[in-house]
Amino acid sequence: GIAYNPSLLDGQTFESWESLWDASLRQK
């Protein structure tokens, strides 16, 4: 699955794999 740190992100959630393609995650 996906491990993530909400405190370092801009409110992204990862209910879908598609979230990994979000432009806000550049180089993350």
mmCIF file of all heavy atoms, coordinates in Angstrom:
data_MODEL
# 
_entry.id   MODEL 
# 
loop_
_atom_site.group_PDB 
_atom_site.id 
_atom_site.type_symbol 
_atom_site.label_atom_id 
_atom_site.label_alt_id 
_atom_site.label_comp_id 
_atom_site.label_asym_id 
_atom_site.label_entity_id 
_atom_site.label_seq_id 
_atom_site.pdbx_PDB_ins_code 
_atom_site.Cartn_x 
_atom_site.Cartn_y 
_atom_site.Cartn_z 
_atom_site.occupancy 
_atom_site.B_iso_or_equiv 
_atom_site.pdbx_formal_charge 
_atom_site.auth_seq_id 
_atom_site.auth_comp_id 
_atom_site.auth_asym_id 
_atom_site.auth_atom_id 
_atom_site.pdbx_PDB_model_num 
ATOM 1   N N   . GLY A 1 1  ? 0.821  -1.203 0.000   1.00 0.00 ? 1  GLY A N   1 
ATOM 2   C CA  . GLY A 1 1  ? 0.000  0.000  0.000   1.00 0.00 ? 1  GLY A CA  1 
ATOM 3   C C   . GLY A 1 1  ? 0.859  1.258  0.000   1.00 0.00 ? 1  GLY A C   1 
ATOM 4   O O   . GLY A 1 1  ? 2.025  1.235  -0.408  1.00 0.00 ? 1  GLY A O   1 
ATOM 5   N N   . ILE A 1 2  ? 0.278  2.323  0.499   1.00 0.00 ? 2  ILE A N   1 
ATOM 6   C CA  . ILE A 1 2  ? 0.948  3.622  0.493   1.00 0.00 ? 2  ILE A CA  1 
ATOM 7   C C   . ILE A 1 2  ? 1.112  4.128  1.918   1.00 0.00 ? 2  ILE A C   1 
ATOM 8   O O   . ILE A 1 2  ? 0.130  4.259  2.663   1.00 0.00 ? 2  ILE A O   1 
ATOM 9   C CB  . ILE A 1 2  ? 0.140  4.657  -0.325  1.00 0.00 ? 2  ILE A CB  1 
ATOM 10  C CG1 . ILE A 1 2  ? 0.002  4.193  -1.770  1.00 0.00 ? 2  ILE A CG1 1 
ATOM 11  C CG2 . ILE A 1 2  ? 0.805  6.030  -0.260  1.00 0.00 ? 2  ILE A CG2 1 
ATOM 12  C CD1 . ILE A 1 2  ? -0.967 5.045  -2.593  1.00 0.00 ? 2  ILE A CD1 1 
ATOM 13  N N   . ALA A 1 3  ? 2.359  4.399  2.295   1.00 0.00 ? 3  ALA A N   1 
ATOM 14  C CA  . ALA A 1 3  ? 2.646  5.076  3.565   1.00 0.00 ? 3  ALA A CA  1 
ATOM 15  C C   . ALA A 1 3  ? 2.796  6.555  3.244   1.00 0.00 ? 3  ALA A C   1 
ATOM 16  O O   . ALA A 1 3  ? 3.456  6.917  2.262   1.00 0.00 ? 3  ALA A O   1 
ATOM 17  C CB  . ALA A 1 3  ? 3.925  4.531  4.193   1.00 0.00 ? 3  ALA A CB  1 
ATOM 18  N N   . TYR A 1 4  ? 2.183  7.398  4.050   1.00 0.00 ? 4  TYR A N   1 
ATOM 19  C CA  . TYR A 1 4  ? 2.270  8.829  3.767   1.00 0.00 ? 4  TYR A CA  1 
ATOM 20  C C   . TYR A 1 4  ? 2.208  9.630  5.058   1.00 0.00 ? 4  TYR A C   1 
ATOM 21  O O   . TYR A 1 4  ? 1.723  9.154  6.086   1.00 0.00 ? 4  TYR A O   1 
ATOM 22  C CB  . TYR A 1 4  ? 1.145  9.260  2.815   1.00 0.00 ? 4  TYR A CB  1 
ATOM 23  C CG  . TYR A 1 4  ? -0.255 9.117  3.370   1.00 0.00 ? 4  TYR A CG  1 
ATOM 24  C CD1 . TYR A 1 4  ? -0.971 10.209 3.833   1.00 0.00 ? 4  TYR A CD1 1 
ATOM 25  C CD2 . TYR A 1 4  ? -0.877 7.862  3.408   1.00 0.00 ? 4  TYR A CD2 1 
ATOM 26  C CE1 . TYR A 1 4  ? -2.259 10.082 4.331   1.00 0.00 ? 4  TYR A CE1 1 
ATOM 27  C CE2 . TYR A 1 4  ? -2.162 7.720  3.907   1.00 0.00 ? 4  TYR A CE2 1 
ATOM 28  C CZ  . TYR A 1 4  ? -2.844 8.831  4.367   1.00 0.00 ? 4  TYR A CZ  1 
ATOM 29  O OH  . TYR A 1 4  ? -4.125 8.697  4.873   1.00 0.00 ? 4  TYR A OH  1 
ATOM 30  N N   . ASN A 1 5  ? 2.735  10.838 4.990   1.00 0.00 ? 5  ASN A N   1 
ATOM 31  C CA  . ASN A 1 5  ? 2.782  11.726 6.155   1.00 0.00 ? 5  ASN A CA  1 
ATOM 32  C C   . ASN A 1 5  ? 1.956  12.973 5.861   1.00 0.00 ? 5  ASN A C   1 
ATOM 33  O O   . ASN A 1 5  ? 2.428  13.897 5.185   1.00 0.00 ? 5  ASN A O   1 
ATOM 34  C CB  . ASN A 1 5  ? 4.224  12.106 6.459   1.00 0.00 ? 5  ASN A CB  1 
ATOM 35  C CG  . ASN A 1 5  ? 4.365  12.841 7.774   1.00 0.00 ? 5  ASN A CG  1 
ATOM 36  O OD1 . ASN A 1 5  ? 3.450  13.533 8.209   1.00 0.00 ? 5  ASN A OD1 1 
ATOM 37  N ND2 . ASN A 1 5  ? 5.522  12.727 8.407   1.00 0.00 ? 5  ASN A ND2 1 
ATOM 38  N N   . PRO A 1 6  ? 0.705  13.009 6.348   1.00 0.00 ? 6  PRO A N   1 
ATOM 39  C CA  . PRO A 1 6  ? -0.176 14.152 6.052   1.00 0.00 ? 6  PRO A CA  1 
ATOM 40  C C   . PRO A 1 6  ? 0.411  15.499 6.465   1.00 0.00 ? 6  PRO A C   1 
ATOM 41  O O   . PRO A 1 6  ? 0.118  16.525 5.836   1.00 0.00 ? 6  PRO A O   1 
ATOM 42  C CB  . PRO A 1 6  ? -1.437 13.834 6.869   1.00 0.00 ? 6  PRO A CB  1 
ATOM 43  C CG  . PRO A 1 6  ? -1.393 12.356 7.076   1.00 0.00 ? 6  PRO A CG  1 
ATOM 44  C CD  . PRO A 1 6  ? 0.044  12.016 7.199   1.00 0.00 ? 6  PRO A CD  1 
ATOM 45  N N   . SER A 1 7  ? 1.253  15.514 7.505   1.00 0.00 ? 7  SER A N   1 
ATOM 46  C CA  . SER A 1 7  ? 1.815  16.784 7.986   1.00 0.00 ? 7  SER A CA  1 
ATOM 47  C C   . SER A 1 7  ? 2.786  17.398 6.985   1.00 0.00 ? 7  SER A C   1 
ATOM 48  O O   . SER A 1 7  ? 3.102  18.593 7.071   1.00 0.00 ? 7  SER A O   1 
ATOM 49  C CB  . SER A 1 7  ? 2.522  16.575 9.328   1.00 0.00 ? 7  SER A CB  1 
ATOM 50  O OG  . SER A 1 7  ? 3.689  15.791 9.178   1.00 0.00 ? 7  SER A OG  1 
ATOM 51  N N   . LEU A 1 8  ? 3.243  16.596 6.023   1.00 0.00 ? 8  LEU A N   1 
ATOM 52  C CA  . LEU A 1 8  ? 4.178  17.096 5.015   1.00 0.00 ? 8  LEU A CA  1 
ATOM 53  C C   . LEU A 1 8  ? 3.514  17.282 3.656   1.00 0.00 ? 8  LEU A C   1 
ATOM 54  O O   . LEU A 1 8  ? 4.179  17.619 2.673   1.00 0.00 ? 8  LEU A O   1 
ATOM 55  C CB  . LEU A 1 8  ? 5.359  16.122 4.860   1.00 0.00 ? 8  LEU A CB  1 
ATOM 56  C CG  . LEU A 1 8  ? 6.185  15.817 6.126   1.00 0.00 ? 8  LEU A CG  1 
ATOM 57  C CD1 . LEU A 1 8  ? 7.278  14.794 5.805   1.00 0.00 ? 8  LEU A CD1 1 
ATOM 58  C CD2 . LEU A 1 8  ? 6.793  17.098 6.682   1.00 0.00 ? 8  LEU A CD2 1 
ATOM 59  N N   . LEU A 1 9  ? 2.209  17.066 3.603   1.00 0.00 ? 9  LEU A N   1 
ATOM 60  C CA  . LEU A 1 9  ? 1.479  17.144 2.345   1.00 0.00 ? 9  LEU A CA  1 
ATOM 61  C C   . LEU A 1 9  ? 0.396  18.220 2.407   1.00 0.00 ? 9  LEU A C   1 
ATOM 62  O O   . LEU A 1 9  ? 0.070  18.735 3.484   1.00 0.00 ? 9  LEU A O   1 
ATOM 63  C CB  . LEU A 1 9  ? 0.851  15.785 2.025   1.00 0.00 ? 9  LEU A CB  1 
ATOM 64  C CG  . LEU A 1 9  ? 1.848  14.627 1.850   1.00 0.00 ? 9  LEU A CG  1 
ATOM 65  C CD1 . LEU A 1 9  ? 1.117  13.297 1.815   1.00 0.00 ? 9  LEU A CD1 1 
ATOM 66  C CD2 . LEU A 1 9  ? 2.664  14.824 0.584   1.00 0.00 ? 9  LEU A CD2 1 
ATOM 67  N N   . ASP A 1 10 ? -0.155 18.524 1.256   1.00 0.00 ? 10 ASP A N   1 
ATOM 68  C CA  . ASP A 1 10 ? -1.176 19.572 1.171   1.00 0.00 ? 10 ASP A CA  1 
ATOM 69  C C   . ASP A 1 10 ? -2.579 18.977 1.126   1.00 0.00 ? 10 ASP A C   1 
ATOM 70  O O   . ASP A 1 10 ? -3.380 19.278 0.247   1.00 0.00 ? 10 ASP A O   1 
ATOM 71  C CB  . ASP A 1 10 ? -0.933 20.443 -0.080  1.00 0.00 ? 10 ASP A CB  1 
ATOM 72  C CG  . ASP A 1 10 ? 0.412  21.147 -0.032  1.00 0.00 ? 10 ASP A CG  1 
ATOM 73  O OD1 . ASP A 1 10 ? 0.809  21.569 1.071   1.00 0.00 ? 10 ASP A OD1 1 
ATOM 74  O OD2 . ASP A 1 10 ? 1.055  21.247 -1.090  1.00 0.00 ? 10 ASP A OD2 1 
ATOM 75  N N   . GLY A 1 11 ? -2.849 18.088 2.075   1.00 0.00 ? 11 GLY A N   1 
ATOM 76  C CA  . GLY A 1 11 ? -4.193 17.526 2.175   1.00 0.00 ? 11 GLY A CA  1 
ATOM 77  C C   . GLY A 1 11 ? -4.478 16.367 1.241   1.00 0.00 ? 11 GLY A C   1 
ATOM 78  O O   . GLY A 1 11 ? -5.628 15.931 1.123   1.00 0.00 ? 11 GLY A O   1 
ATOM 79  N N   . GLN A 1 12 ? -3.455 15.840 0.567   1.00 0.00 ? 12 GLN A N   1 
ATOM 80  C CA  . GLN A 1 12 ? -3.690 14.701 -0.324  1.00 0.00 ? 12 GLN A CA  1 
ATOM 81  C C   . GLN A 1 12 ? -4.111 13.466 0.467   1.00 0.00 ? 12 GLN A C   1 
ATOM 82  O O   . GLN A 1 12 ? -3.643 13.241 1.571   1.00 0.00 ? 12 GLN A O   1 
ATOM 83  C CB  . GLN A 1 12 ? -2.427 14.359 -1.127  1.00 0.00 ? 12 GLN A CB  1 
ATOM 84  C CG  . GLN A 1 12 ? -1.994 15.423 -2.103  1.00 0.00 ? 12 GLN A CG  1 
ATOM 85  C CD  . GLN A 1 12 ? -0.922 16.314 -1.491  1.00 0.00 ? 12 GLN A CD  1 
ATOM 86  O OE1 . GLN A 1 12 ? -0.884 16.526 -0.286  1.00 0.00 ? 12 GLN A OE1 1 
ATOM 87  N NE2 . GLN A 1 12 ? -0.055 16.861 -2.336  1.00 0.00 ? 12 GLN A NE2 1 
ATOM 88  N N   . THR A 1 13 ? -5.004 12.712 -0.115  1.00 0.00 ? 13 THR A N   1 
ATOM 89  C CA  . THR A 1 13 ? -5.372 11.411 0.447   1.00 0.00 ? 13 THR A CA  1 
ATOM 90  C C   . THR A 1 13 ? -5.090 10.355 -0.614  1.00 0.00 ? 13 THR A C   1 
ATOM 91  O O   . THR A 1 13 ? -4.924 10.666 -1.786  1.00 0.00 ? 13 THR A O   1 
ATOM 92  C CB  . THR A 1 13 ? -6.857 11.375 0.846   1.00 0.00 ? 13 THR A CB  1 
ATOM 93  O OG1 . THR A 1 13 ? -7.659 11.675 -0.309  1.00 0.00 ? 13 THR A OG1 1 
ATOM 94  C CG2 . THR A 1 13 ? -7.149 12.389 1.951   1.00 0.00 ? 13 THR A CG2 1 
ATOM 95  N N   . PHE A 1 14 ? -5.056 9.121  -0.196  1.00 0.00 ? 14 PHE A N   1 
ATOM 96  C CA  . PHE A 1 14 ? -4.611 8.074  -1.112  1.00 0.00 ? 14 PHE A CA  1 
ATOM 97  C C   . PHE A 1 14 ? -5.584 6.901  -1.158  1.00 0.00 ? 14 PHE A C   1 
ATOM 98  O O   . PHE A 1 14 ? -5.174 5.742  -1.172  1.00 0.00 ? 14 PHE A O   1 
ATOM 99  C CB  . PHE A 1 14 ? -3.205 7.621  -0.708  1.00 0.00 ? 14 PHE A CB  1 
ATOM 100 C CG  . PHE A 1 14 ? -2.177 8.721  -0.838  1.00 0.00 ? 14 PHE A CG  1 
ATOM 101 C CD1 . PHE A 1 14 ? -1.914 9.566  0.239   1.00 0.00 ? 14 PHE A CD1 1 
ATOM 102 C CD2 . PHE A 1 14 ? -1.522 8.936  -2.030  1.00 0.00 ? 14 PHE A CD2 1 
ATOM 103 C CE1 . PHE A 1 14 ? -0.987 10.596 0.124   1.00 0.00 ? 14 PHE A CE1 1 
ATOM 104 C CE2 . PHE A 1 14 ? -0.600 9.967  -2.167  1.00 0.00 ? 14 PHE A CE2 1 
ATOM 105 C CZ  . PHE A 1 14 ? -0.330 10.802 -1.085  1.00 0.00 ? 14 PHE A CZ  1 
ATOM 106 N N   . GLU A 1 15 ? -6.866 7.218  -1.197  1.00 0.00 ? 15 GLU A N   1 
ATOM 107 C CA  . GLU A 1 15 ? -7.870 6.163  -1.337  1.00 0.00 ? 15 GLU A CA  1 
ATOM 108 C C   . GLU A 1 15 ? -7.755 5.461  -2.686  1.00 0.00 ? 15 GLU A C   1 
ATOM 109 O O   . GLU A 1 15 ? -8.210 4.328  -2.851  1.00 0.00 ? 15 GLU A O   1 
ATOM 110 C CB  . GLU A 1 15 ? -9.281 6.728  -1.186  1.00 0.00 ? 15 GLU A CB  1 
ATOM 111 C CG  . GLU A 1 15 ? -9.680 7.040  0.249   1.00 0.00 ? 15 GLU A CG  1 
ATOM 112 C CD  . GLU A 1 15 ? -9.145 8.402  0.709   1.00 0.00 ? 15 GLU A CD  1 
ATOM 113 O OE1 . GLU A 1 15 ? -8.590 9.141  -0.150  1.00 0.00 ? 15 GLU A OE1 1 
ATOM 114 O OE2 . GLU A 1 15 ? -9.275 8.715  1.905   1.00 0.00 ? 15 GLU A OE2 1 
ATOM 115 N N   . SER A 1 16 ? -7.158 6.150  -3.667  1.00 0.00 ? 16 SER A N   1 
ATOM 116 C CA  . SER A 1 16 ? -6.997 5.584  -5.007  1.00 0.00 ? 16 SER A CA  1 
ATOM 117 C C   . SER A 1 16 ? -5.524 5.616  -5.406  1.00 0.00 ? 16 SER A C   1 
ATOM 118 O O   . SER A 1 16 ? -4.778 6.521  -5.021  1.00 0.00 ? 16 SER A O   1 
ATOM 119 C CB  . SER A 1 16 ? -7.822 6.384  -6.017  1.00 0.00 ? 16 SER A CB  1 
ATOM 120 O OG  . SER A 1 16 ? -7.502 5.993  -7.342  1.00 0.00 ? 16 SER A OG  1 
ATOM 121 N N   . TRP A 1 17 ? -5.118 4.616  -6.212  1.00 0.00 ? 17 TRP A N   1 
ATOM 122 C CA  . TRP A 1 17 ? -3.762 4.624  -6.745  1.00 0.00 ? 17 TRP A CA  1 
ATOM 123 C C   . TRP A 1 17 ? -3.517 5.853  -7.616  1.00 0.00 ? 17 TRP A C   1 
ATOM 124 O O   . TRP A 1 17 ? -2.385 6.313  -7.749  1.00 0.00 ? 17 TRP A O   1 
ATOM 125 C CB  . TRP A 1 17 ? -3.507 3.360  -7.568  1.00 0.00 ? 17 TRP A CB  1 
ATOM 126 C CG  . TRP A 1 17 ? -3.372 2.095  -6.774  1.00 0.00 ? 17 TRP A CG  1 
ATOM 127 C CD1 . TRP A 1 17 ? -4.198 1.020  -6.791  1.00 0.00 ? 17 TRP A CD1 1 
ATOM 128 C CD2 . TRP A 1 17 ? -2.315 1.764  -5.861  1.00 0.00 ? 17 TRP A CD2 1 
ATOM 129 N NE1 . TRP A 1 17 ? -3.746 0.036  -5.939  1.00 0.00 ? 17 TRP A NE1 1 
ATOM 130 C CE2 . TRP A 1 17 ? -2.576 0.465  -5.360  1.00 0.00 ? 17 TRP A CE2 1 
ATOM 131 C CE3 . TRP A 1 17 ? -1.168 2.434  -5.414  1.00 0.00 ? 17 TRP A CE3 1 
ATOM 132 C CZ2 . TRP A 1 17 ? -1.761 -0.169 -4.434  1.00 0.00 ? 17 TRP A CZ2 1 
ATOM 133 C CZ3 . TRP A 1 17 ? -0.341 1.792  -4.494  1.00 0.00 ? 17 TRP A CZ3 1 
ATOM 134 C CH2 . TRP A 1 17 ? -0.632 0.522  -4.016  1.00 0.00 ? 17 TRP A CH2 1 
ATOM 135 N N   . GLU A 1 18 ? -4.581 6.374  -8.200  1.00 0.00 ? 18 GLU A N   1 
ATOM 136 C CA  . GLU A 1 18 ? -4.452 7.541  -9.074  1.00 0.00 ? 18 GLU A CA  1 
ATOM 137 C C   . GLU A 1 18 ? -3.822 8.728  -8.345  1.00 0.00 ? 18 GLU A C   1 
ATOM 138 O O   . GLU A 1 18 ? -3.226 9.602  -8.971  1.00 0.00 ? 18 GLU A O   1 
ATOM 139 C CB  . GLU A 1 18 ? -5.826 7.948  -9.617  1.00 0.00 ? 18 GLU A CB  1 
ATOM 140 C CG  . GLU A 1 18 ? -6.478 6.943  -10.545 1.00 0.00 ? 18 GLU A CG  1 
ATOM 141 C CD  . GLU A 1 18 ? -5.782 6.840  -11.898 1.00 0.00 ? 18 GLU A CD  1 
ATOM 142 O OE1 . GLU A 1 18 ? -4.986 7.739  -12.244 1.00 0.00 ? 18 GLU A OE1 1 
ATOM 143 O OE2 . GLU A 1 18 ? -6.028 5.835  -12.599 1.00 0.00 ? 18 GLU A OE2 1 
ATOM 144 N N   . SER A 1 19 ? -3.934 8.749  -7.023  1.00 0.00 ? 19 SER A N   1 
ATOM 145 C CA  . SER A 1 19 ? -3.387 9.862  -6.244  1.00 0.00 ? 19 SER A CA  1 
ATOM 146 C C   . SER A 1 19 ? -1.885 10.018 -6.457  1.00 0.00 ? 19 SER A C   1 
ATOM 147 O O   . SER A 1 19 ? -1.348 11.130 -6.336  1.00 0.00 ? 19 SER A O   1 
ATOM 148 C CB  . SER A 1 19 ? -3.672 9.653  -4.754  1.00 0.00 ? 19 SER A CB  1 
ATOM 149 O OG  . SER A 1 19 ? -5.055 9.524  -4.512  1.00 0.00 ? 19 SER A OG  1 
ATOM 150 N N   . LEU A 1 20 ? -1.201 8.918  -6.757  1.00 0.00 ? 20 LEU A N   1 
ATOM 151 C CA  . LEU A 1 20 ? 0.249  8.987  -6.938  1.00 0.00 ? 20 LEU A CA  1 
ATOM 152 C C   . LEU A 1 20 ? 0.647  9.783  -8.174  1.00 0.00 ? 20 LEU A C   1 
ATOM 153 O O   . LEU A 1 20 ? 1.804  10.185 -8.314  1.00 0.00 ? 20 LEU A O   1 
ATOM 154 C CB  . LEU A 1 20 ? 0.845  7.578  -7.025  1.00 0.00 ? 20 LEU A CB  1 
ATOM 155 C CG  . LEU A 1 20 ? 0.744  6.724  -5.759  1.00 0.00 ? 20 LEU A CG  1 
ATOM 156 C CD1 . LEU A 1 20 ? 1.311  5.330  -6.014  1.00 0.00 ? 20 LEU A CD1 1 
ATOM 157 C CD2 . LEU A 1 20 ? 1.473  7.385  -4.595  1.00 0.00 ? 20 LEU A CD2 1 
ATOM 158 N N   . TRP A 1 21 ? -0.309 10.011 -9.062  1.00 0.00 ? 21 TRP A N   1 
ATOM 159 C CA  . TRP A 1 21 ? -0.042 10.796 -10.276 1.00 0.00 ? 21 TRP A CA  1 
ATOM 160 C C   . TRP A 1 21 ? -0.375 12.284 -10.085 1.00 0.00 ? 21 TRP A C   1 
ATOM 161 O O   . TRP A 1 21 ? -0.177 13.080 -11.000 1.00 0.00 ? 21 TRP A O   1 
ATOM 162 C CB  . TRP A 1 21 ? -0.839 10.244 -11.455 1.00 0.00 ? 21 TRP A CB  1 
ATOM 163 C CG  . TRP A 1 21 ? -0.219 9.053  -12.121 1.00 0.00 ? 21 TRP A CG  1 
ATOM 164 C CD1 . TRP A 1 21 ? 0.572  9.055  -13.231 1.00 0.00 ? 21 TRP A CD1 1 
ATOM 165 C CD2 . TRP A 1 21 ? -0.344 7.679  -11.740 1.00 0.00 ? 21 TRP A CD2 1 
ATOM 166 N NE1 . TRP A 1 21 ? 0.949  7.779  -13.564 1.00 0.00 ? 21 TRP A NE1 1 
ATOM 167 C CE2 . TRP A 1 21 ? 0.402  6.906  -12.674 1.00 0.00 ? 21 TRP A CE2 1 
ATOM 168 C CE3 . TRP A 1 21 ? -1.011 7.013  -10.714 1.00 0.00 ? 21 TRP A CE3 1 
ATOM 169 C CZ2 . TRP A 1 21 ? 0.497  5.519  -12.599 1.00 0.00 ? 21 TRP A CZ2 1 
ATOM 170 C CZ3 . TRP A 1 21 ? -0.905 5.639  -10.640 1.00 0.00 ? 21 TRP A CZ3 1 
ATOM 171 C CH2 . TRP A 1 21 ? -0.159 4.897  -11.571 1.00 0.00 ? 21 TRP A CH2 1 
ATOM 172 N N   . ASP A 1 22 ? -0.857 12.668 -8.904  1.00 0.00 ? 22 ASP A N   1 
ATOM 173 C CA  . ASP A 1 22 ? -1.252 14.059 -8.656  1.00 0.00 ? 22 ASP A CA  1 
ATOM 174 C C   . ASP A 1 22 ? -0.057 14.993 -8.845  1.00 0.00 ? 22 ASP A C   1 
ATOM 175 O O   . ASP A 1 22 ? 1.030  14.748 -8.308  1.00 0.00 ? 22 ASP A O   1 
ATOM 176 C CB  . ASP A 1 22 ? -1.810 14.191 -7.235  1.00 0.00 ? 22 ASP A CB  1 
ATOM 177 C CG  . ASP A 1 22 ? -2.516 15.524 -7.014  1.00 0.00 ? 22 ASP A CG  1 
ATOM 178 O OD1 . ASP A 1 22 ? -1.843 16.562 -7.085  1.00 0.00 ? 22 ASP A OD1 1 
ATOM 179 O OD2 . ASP A 1 22 ? -3.735 15.504 -6.793  1.00 0.00 ? 22 ASP A OD2 1 
ATOM 180 N N   . ALA A 1 23 ? -0.239 16.065 -9.572  1.00 0.00 ? 23 ALA A N   1 
ATOM 181 C CA  . ALA A 1 23 ? 0.854  17.001 -9.885  1.00 0.00 ? 23 ALA A CA  1 
ATOM 182 C C   . ALA A 1 23 ? 1.465  17.624 -8.638  1.00 0.00 ? 23 ALA A C   1 
ATOM 183 O O   . ALA A 1 23 ? 2.628  18.059 -8.668  1.00 0.00 ? 23 ALA A O   1 
ATOM 184 C CB  . ALA A 1 23 ? 0.346  18.086 -10.836 1.00 0.00 ? 23 ALA A CB  1 
ATOM 185 N N   . SER A 1 24 ? 0.716  17.672 -7.543  1.00 0.00 ? 24 SER A N   1 
ATOM 186 C CA  . SER A 1 24 ? 1.231  18.278 -6.308  1.00 0.00 ? 24 SER A CA  1 
ATOM 187 C C   . SER A 1 24 ? 2.321  17.420 -5.657  1.00 0.00 ? 24 SER A C   1 
ATOM 188 O O   . SER A 1 24 ? 2.993  17.866 -4.727  1.00 0.00 ? 24 SER A O   1 
ATOM 189 C CB  . SER A 1 24 ? 0.091  18.493 -5.312  1.00 0.00 ? 24 SER A CB  1 
ATOM 190 O OG  . SER A 1 24 ? -0.452 17.252 -4.904  1.00 0.00 ? 24 SER A OG  1 
ATOM 191 N N   . LEU A 1 25 ? 2.486  16.188 -6.144  1.00 0.00 ? 25 LEU A N   1 
ATOM 192 C CA  . LEU A 1 25 ? 3.466  15.278 -5.541  1.00 0.00 ? 25 LEU A CA  1 
ATOM 193 C C   . LEU A 1 25 ? 4.784  15.237 -6.316  1.00 0.00 ? 25 LEU A C   1 
ATOM 194 O O   . LEU A 1 25 ? 5.559  14.293 -6.177  1.00 0.00 ? 25 LEU A O   1 
ATOM 195 C CB  . LEU A 1 25 ? 2.880  13.868 -5.447  1.00 0.00 ? 25 LEU A CB  1 
ATOM 196 C CG  . LEU A 1 25 ? 1.656  13.696 -4.543  1.00 0.00 ? 25 LEU A CG  1 
ATOM 197 C CD1 . LEU A 1 25 ? 1.176  12.252 -4.575  1.00 0.00 ? 25 LEU A CD1 1 
ATOM 198 C CD2 . LEU A 1 25 ? 1.963  14.120 -3.120  1.00 0.00 ? 25 LEU A CD2 1 
ATOM 199 N N   . ARG A 1 26 ? 5.050  16.250 -7.083  1.00 0.00 ? 26 ARG A N   1 
ATOM 200 C CA  . ARG A 1 26 ? 6.280  16.276 -7.870  1.00 0.00 ? 26 ARG A CA  1 
ATOM 201 C C   . ARG A 1 26 ? 7.503  16.046 -6.971  1.00 0.00 ? 26 ARG A C   1 
ATOM 202 O O   . ARG A 1 26 ? 7.689  16.716 -5.968  1.00 0.00 ? 26 ARG A O   1 
ATOM 203 C CB  . ARG A 1 26 ? 6.406  17.600 -8.611  1.00 0.00 ? 26 ARG A CB  1 
ATOM 204 C CG  . ARG A 1 26 ? 7.588  17.650 -9.579  1.00 0.00 ? 26 ARG A CG  1 
ATOM 205 C CD  . ARG A 1 26 ? 7.625  18.969 -10.345 1.00 0.00 ? 26 ARG A CD  1 
ATOM 206 N NE  . ARG A 1 26 ? 8.730  18.985 -11.287 1.00 0.00 ? 26 ARG A NE  1 
ATOM 207 C CZ  . ARG A 1 26 ? 8.695  18.482 -12.523 1.00 0.00 ? 26 ARG A CZ  1 
ATOM 208 N NH1 . ARG A 1 26 ? 7.579  17.943 -12.966 1.00 0.00 ? 26 ARG A NH1 1 
ATOM 209 N NH2 . ARG A 1 26 ? 9.756  18.532 -13.309 1.00 0.00 ? 26 ARG A NH2 1 
ATOM 210 N N   . GLN A 1 27 ? 8.329  15.046 -7.337  1.00 0.00 ? 27 GLN A N   1 
ATOM 211 C CA  . GLN A 1 27 ? 9.546  14.688 -6.614  1.00 0.00 ? 27 GLN A CA  1 
ATOM 212 C C   . GLN A 1 27 ? 9.295  14.309 -5.139  1.00 0.00 ? 27 GLN A C   1 
ATOM 213 O O   . GLN A 1 27 ? 10.145 14.504 -4.282  1.00 0.00 ? 27 GLN A O   1 
ATOM 214 C CB  . GLN A 1 27 ? 10.565 15.829 -6.680  1.00 0.00 ? 27 GLN A CB  1 
ATOM 215 C CG  . GLN A 1 27 ? 11.309 15.915 -7.997  1.00 0.00 ? 27 GLN A CG  1 
ATOM 216 C CD  . GLN A 1 27 ? 12.255 14.724 -8.215  1.00 0.00 ? 27 GLN A CD  1 
ATOM 217 O OE1 . GLN A 1 27 ? 13.217 14.541 -7.478  1.00 0.00 ? 27 GLN A OE1 1 
ATOM 218 N NE2 . GLN A 1 27 ? 11.964 13.903 -9.226  1.00 0.00 ? 27 GLN A NE2 1 
ATOM 219 N N   . LYS A 1 28 ? 8.127  13.700 -4.893  1.00 0.00 ? 28 LYS A N   1 
ATOM 220 C CA  . LYS A 1 28 ? 7.798  13.312 -3.519  1.00 0.00 ? 28 LYS A CA  1 
ATOM 221 C C   . LYS A 1 28 ? 7.531  11.819 -3.344  1.00 0.00 ? 28 LYS A C   1 
ATOM 222 O O   . LYS A 1 28 ? 7.520  11.327 -2.218  1.00 0.00 ? 28 LYS A O   1 
ATOM 223 C CB  . LYS A 1 28 ? 6.580  14.091 -3.021  1.00 0.00 ? 28 LYS A CB  1 
ATOM 224 C CG  . LYS A 1 28 ? 6.830  15.581 -2.815  1.00 0.00 ? 28 LYS A CG  1 
ATOM 225 C CD  . LYS A 1 28 ? 5.616  16.257 -2.206  1.00 0.00 ? 28 LYS A CD  1 
ATOM 226 C CE  . LYS A 1 28 ? 5.904  17.742 -1.937  1.00 0.00 ? 28 LYS A CE  1 
ATOM 227 N NZ  . LYS A 1 28 ? 4.731  18.423 -1.344  1.00 0.00 ? 28 LYS A NZ  1 
# 
